[in-house]
C-alpha atoms as a PDB file:
ATOM      1  CA  MET A   1     184.063 -83.785 177.793  1.00  0.00           C
ATOM      2  CA  MET A   2     183.920 -86.911 175.740  1.00  0.00           C
ATOM      3  CA  ASN A   3     182.913 -90.248 177.146  1.00  0.00           C
ATOM      4  CA  HIS A   4     186.391 -91.850 176.718  1.00  0.00           C
ATOM      5  CA  ASP A   5     186.060 -95.425 177.963  1.00  0.00           C
ATOM      6  CA  LEU A   6     183.649 -94.352 180.715  1.00  0.00           C
ATOM      7  CA  SER A   7     181.206 -97.092 181.635  1.00  0.00           C
ATOM      8  CA  LEU A   8     177.616 -96.240 180.731  1.00  0.00           C
ATOM      9  CA  ASN A   9     176.836 -96.937 184.406  1.00  0.00           C
ATOM     10  CA  PRO A  10     179.711 -95.195 186.245  1.00  0.00           C
ATOM     11  CA  SER A  11     179.968 -94.901 190.003  1.00  0.00           C
ATOM     12  CA  PRO A  12     179.065 -91.528 191.504  1.00  0.00           C
ATOM     13  CA  GLU A  13     182.576 -91.262 192.952  1.00  0.00           C
ATOM     14  CA  GLN A  14     184.143 -91.853 189.525  1.00  0.00           C
ATOM     15  CA  VAL A  15     182.056 -89.060 187.993  1.00  0.00           C
ATOM     16  CA  LEU A  16     182.742 -86.584 190.802  1.00  0.00           C
ATOM     17  CA  ARG A  17     186.501 -87.210 190.685  1.00  0.00           C
ATOM     18  CA  ARG A  18     186.751 -87.068 186.898  1.00  0.00           C
ATOM     19  CA  PHE A  19     184.481 -84.257 185.739  1.00  0.00           C
ATOM     20  CA  GLN A  20     184.443 -80.564 186.611  1.00  0.00           C
ATOM     21  CA  ARG A  21     181.802 -78.704 184.548  1.00  0.00           C
ATOM     22  CA  VAL A  22     178.197 -79.361 185.614  1.00  0.00           C
ATOM     23  CA  ALA A  23     174.916 -78.048 184.205  1.00  0.00           C
ATOM     24  CA  VAL A  24     172.050 -78.054 186.726  1.00  0.00           C
ATOM     25  CA  LEU A  25     168.922 -78.670 184.651  1.00  0.00           C
ATOM     26  CA  GLY A  26     165.965 -77.388 186.626  1.00  0.00           C
ATOM     27  CA  ALA A  27     168.044 -75.118 188.842  1.00  0.00           C
ATOM     28  CA  SER A  28     166.064 -73.119 191.383  1.00  0.00           C
ATOM     29  CA  ALA A  29     166.473 -69.662 192.900  1.00  0.00           C
ATOM     30  CA  LYS A  30     164.852 -70.957 196.110  1.00  0.00           C
ATOM     31  CA  VAL A  31     167.679 -71.826 198.498  1.00  0.00           C
ATOM     32  CA  GLU A  32     165.643 -74.523 200.246  1.00  0.00           C
ATOM     33  CA  ARG A  33     165.174 -76.521 197.019  1.00  0.00           C
ATOM     34  CA  PRO A  34     167.606 -79.245 195.962  1.00  0.00           C
ATOM     35  CA  GLY A  35     167.872 -77.571 192.535  1.00  0.00           C
ATOM     36  CA  HIS A  36     169.590 -74.720 194.364  1.00  0.00           C
ATOM     37  CA  PHE A  37     171.490 -76.119 197.324  1.00  0.00           C
ATOM     38  CA  VAL A  38     173.076 -78.988 195.379  1.00  0.00           C
ATOM     39  CA  GLY A  39     174.416 -76.618 192.715  1.00  0.00           C
ATOM     40  CA  ALA A  40     175.574 -74.175 195.390  1.00  0.00           C
ATOM     41  CA  ASP A  41     177.438 -76.966 197.197  1.00  0.00           C
ATOM     42  CA  LEU A  42     179.154 -78.112 194.013  1.00  0.00           C
ATOM     43  CA  HIS A  43     180.158 -74.530 193.216  1.00  0.00           C
ATOM     44  CA  ALA A  44     181.503 -74.050 196.763  1.00  0.00           C
ATOM     45  CA  HIS A  45     183.684 -77.140 196.292  1.00  0.00           C
ATOM     46  CA  GLY A  46     185.270 -75.990 193.058  1.00  0.00           C
ATOM     47  CA  TYR A  47     182.979 -77.315 190.360  1.00  0.00           C
ATOM     48  CA  ASP A  48     182.146 -75.064 187.425  1.00  0.00           C
ATOM     49  CA  VAL A  49     178.330 -75.002 187.658  1.00  0.00           C
ATOM     50  CA  VAL A  50     175.840 -73.478 185.222  1.00  0.00           C
ATOM     51  CA  ALA A  51     172.157 -73.157 186.099  1.00  0.00           C
ATOM     52  CA  VAL A  52     169.684 -74.127 183.363  1.00  0.00           C
ATOM     53  CA  ASN A  53     166.228 -72.654 183.851  1.00  0.00           C
ATOM     54  CA  PRO A  54     164.383 -70.159 181.601  1.00  0.00           C
ATOM     55  CA  MET A  55     163.200 -68.223 184.672  1.00  0.00           C
ATOM     56  CA  LEU A  56     166.822 -67.653 185.801  1.00  0.00           C
ATOM     57  CA  ALA A  57     168.397 -67.001 182.387  1.00  0.00           C
ATOM     58  CA  GLY A  58     170.709 -64.009 182.423  1.00  0.00           C
ATOM     59  CA  TYR A  59     171.052 -63.917 186.214  1.00  0.00           C
ATOM     60  CA  GLU A  60     174.179 -64.950 188.061  1.00  0.00           C
ATOM     61  CA  VAL A  61     173.615 -68.261 189.824  1.00  0.00           C
ATOM     62  CA  PHE A  62     176.403 -70.478 191.206  1.00  0.00           C
ATOM     63  CA  GLY A  63     178.967 -67.913 190.073  1.00  0.00           C
ATOM     64  CA  ALA A  64     177.987 -68.065 186.397  1.00  0.00           C
ATOM     65  CA  THR A  65     175.295 -66.634 184.146  1.00  0.00           C
ATOM     66  CA  ALA A  66     172.283 -68.953 184.033  1.00  0.00           C
ATOM     67  CA  VAL A  67     170.942 -70.083 180.664  1.00  0.00           C
ATOM     68  CA  ALA A  68     167.412 -70.840 179.505  1.00  0.00           C
ATOM     69  CA  SER A  69     168.013 -74.267 177.986  1.00  0.00           C
ATOM     70  CA  LEU A  70     170.595 -76.950 177.318  1.00  0.00           C
ATOM     71  CA  ALA A  71     170.879 -75.576 173.776  1.00  0.00           C
ATOM     72  CA  ASP A  72     172.263 -72.337 175.275  1.00  0.00           C
ATOM     73  CA  LEU A  73     175.126 -74.075 177.075  1.00  0.00           C
ATOM     74  CA  GLY A  74     178.686 -74.426 176.006  1.00  0.00           C
ATOM     75  CA  PRO A  75     180.328 -77.801 176.568  1.00  0.00           C
ATOM     76  CA  VAL A  76     179.613 -79.468 179.908  1.00  0.00           C
ATOM     77  CA  ASP A  77     180.758 -82.756 181.389  1.00  0.00           C
ATOM     78  CA  VAL A  78     177.674 -83.607 183.453  1.00  0.00           C
ATOM     79  CA  VAL A  79     174.018 -82.610 183.275  1.00  0.00           C
ATOM     80  CA  ASP A  80     172.549 -82.904 186.790  1.00  0.00           C
ATOM     81  CA  VAL A  81     168.778 -83.248 186.406  1.00  0.00           C
ATOM     82  CA  PHE A  82     166.272 -81.676 188.821  1.00  0.00           C
ATOM     83  CA  ARG A  83     163.100 -82.166 186.790  1.00  0.00           C
ATOM     84  CA  ARG A  84     160.006 -84.251 187.351  1.00  0.00           C
ATOM     85  CA  SER A  85     160.331 -87.763 185.970  1.00  0.00           C
ATOM     86  CA  ALA A  86     157.384 -87.088 183.648  1.00  0.00           C
ATOM     87  CA  ASP A  87     159.357 -84.202 182.080  1.00  0.00           C
ATOM     88  CA  LEU A  88     162.400 -86.301 181.170  1.00  0.00           C
ATOM     89  CA  PRO A  89     161.250 -87.500 177.712  1.00  0.00           C
ATOM     90  CA  ALA A  90     160.861 -83.883 176.566  1.00  0.00           C
ATOM     91  CA  HIS A  91     164.542 -83.241 177.409  1.00  0.00           C
ATOM     92  CA  LEU A  92     165.895 -86.233 175.486  1.00  0.00           C
ATOM     93  CA  PRO A  93     166.119 -84.552 172.048  1.00  0.00           C
ATOM     94  CA  GLU A  94     167.768 -81.486 173.599  1.00  0.00           C
ATOM     95  CA  LEU A  95     170.321 -83.626 175.463  1.00  0.00           C
ATOM     96  CA  LEU A  96     171.158 -85.668 172.379  1.00  0.00           C
ATOM     97  CA  ALA A  97     171.496 -82.517 170.256  1.00  0.00           C
ATOM     98  CA  MET A  98     174.187 -81.075 172.536  1.00  0.00           C
ATOM     99  CA  GLN A  99     177.570 -80.799 170.813  1.00  0.00           C
ATOM    100  CA  PRO A 100     179.619 -82.147 172.316  1.00  0.00           C
ATOM    101  CA  ARG A 101     177.274 -84.339 174.285  1.00  0.00           C
ATOM    102  CA  PRO A 102     177.780 -84.460 178.032  1.00  0.00           C
ATOM    103  CA  ALA A 103     179.701 -87.516 179.225  1.00  0.00           C
ATOM    104  CA  VAL A 104     177.172 -88.099 182.005  1.00  0.00           C
ATOM    105  CA  VAL A 105     173.542 -87.373 182.793  1.00  0.00           C
ATOM    106  CA  TRP A 106     172.990 -87.547 186.561  1.00  0.00           C
ATOM    107  CA  LEU A 107     169.400 -88.162 187.674  1.00  0.00           C
ATOM    108  CA  GLN A 108     168.911 -86.919 191.217  1.00  0.00           C
ATOM    109  CA  LYS A 109     167.018 -88.913 193.851  1.00  0.00           C
ATOM    110  CA  GLY A 110     163.400 -89.398 192.869  1.00  0.00           C
ATOM    111  CA  VAL A 111     163.996 -88.655 189.176  1.00  0.00           C
ATOM    112  CA  ALA A 112     163.632 -91.826 187.123  1.00  0.00           C
ATOM    113  CA  ASP A 113     162.543 -93.049 183.710  1.00  0.00           C
ATOM    114  CA  ASP A 114     163.886 -96.382 182.449  1.00  0.00           C
ATOM    115  CA  ASP A 115     163.178 -95.593 178.784  1.00  0.00           C
ATOM    116  CA  PHE A 116     164.956 -92.226 179.069  1.00  0.00           C
ATOM    117  CA  VAL A 117     168.001 -93.876 180.664  1.00  0.00           C
ATOM    118  CA  ALA A 118     168.080 -96.650 178.061  1.00  0.00           C
ATOM    119  CA  ALA A 119     167.893 -94.114 175.225  1.00  0.00           C
ATOM    120  CA  LEU A 120     170.809 -92.112 176.640  1.00  0.00           C
ATOM    121  CA  ARG A 121     172.955 -95.211 177.110  1.00  0.00           C
ATOM    122  CA  ARG A 122     172.146 -96.409 173.574  1.00  0.00           C
ATOM    123  CA  GLU A 123     173.576 -93.084 172.381  1.00  0.00           C
ATOM    124  CA  GLY A 124     176.733 -93.526 174.466  1.00  0.00           C
ATOM    125  CA  VAL A 125     175.833 -91.154 177.306  1.00  0.00           C
ATOM    126  CA  ALA A 126     176.608 -92.524 180.768  1.00  0.00           C
ATOM    127  CA  VAL A 127     173.926 -92.217 183.445  1.00  0.00           C
ATOM    128  CA  VAL A 128     174.047 -92.060 187.244  1.00  0.00           C
ATOM    129  CA  GLU A 129     170.690 -92.680 188.910  1.00  0.00           C
ATOM    130  CA  GLY A 130     169.049 -92.370 192.301  1.00  0.00           C
ATOM    131  CA  VAL A 131     171.733 -90.563 194.297  1.00  0.00           C
ATOM    132  CA  CYS A 132     172.432 -86.929 195.080  1.00  0.00           C
ATOM    133  CA  MET A 133     175.604 -85.252 193.771  1.00  0.00           C
ATOM    134  CA  LYS A 134     175.926 -83.159 196.945  1.00  0.00           C
ATOM    135  CA  GLU A 135     175.528 -86.147 199.258  1.00  0.00           C
ATOM    136  CA  GLU A 136     177.957 -88.275 197.255  1.00  0.00           C
ATOM    137  CA  ARG A 137     180.502 -85.437 197.068  1.00  0.00           C
ATOM    138  CA  ALA A 138     180.300 -85.017 200.840  1.00  0.00           C
ATOM    139  CA  ARG A 139     180.402 -88.774 201.522  1.00  0.00           C
ATOM    140  CA  PHE A 140     183.684 -89.150 199.653  1.00  0.00           C
ATOM    141  CA  GLY A 141     185.072 -85.722 200.651  1.00  0.00           C
ATOM    142  CA  ILE A 142     185.637 -84.827 197.001  1.00  0.00           C
ATOM    143  CA  GLU A 143     186.704 -81.453 195.686  1.00  0.00           C
ATOM    144  CA  ALA A 144     186.362 -80.689 191.982  1.00  0.00           C
ATOM    145  CA  PRO A 145     189.142 -81.942 189.752  1.00  0.00           C
ATOM    146  CA  ALA A 146     191.278 -79.297 188.050  1.00  0.00           C
ATOM    147  CA  ALA A 147     189.724 -77.929 184.890  1.00  0.00           C
ATOM    148  CA  SER A 148     190.972 -79.711 181.807  1.00  0.00           C
END
């Protein structure tokens, strides 16, 4: 769960093939929302997925108990972000306080903030932007790597 020579701008395929434990920040209980069906797809394909949403905390989502915040997580490899772009700056301190830090923050389609991305990369956290984990996983036919 450390960055180990990972580019700060890795390819989606590289991330999906290398990392197994994913936190879905902004997970949703509504099956029609990307914050639900992307996490469900990853879980169905062998990824260890934890939902992060205060409204879901304590409930089983994606086969694991959801947590209220990033501070409540154990170590994760990737934080997959389903939050409004305007909400990203508020998550930066929480992301940088994670110990260990995630290797990758993945910003889903439509989630963008150049200053947020630059701050993460300055701190050594790789970022994937503008693509969907589910779509990229399906495009490459990737199953989760074995847990390390």
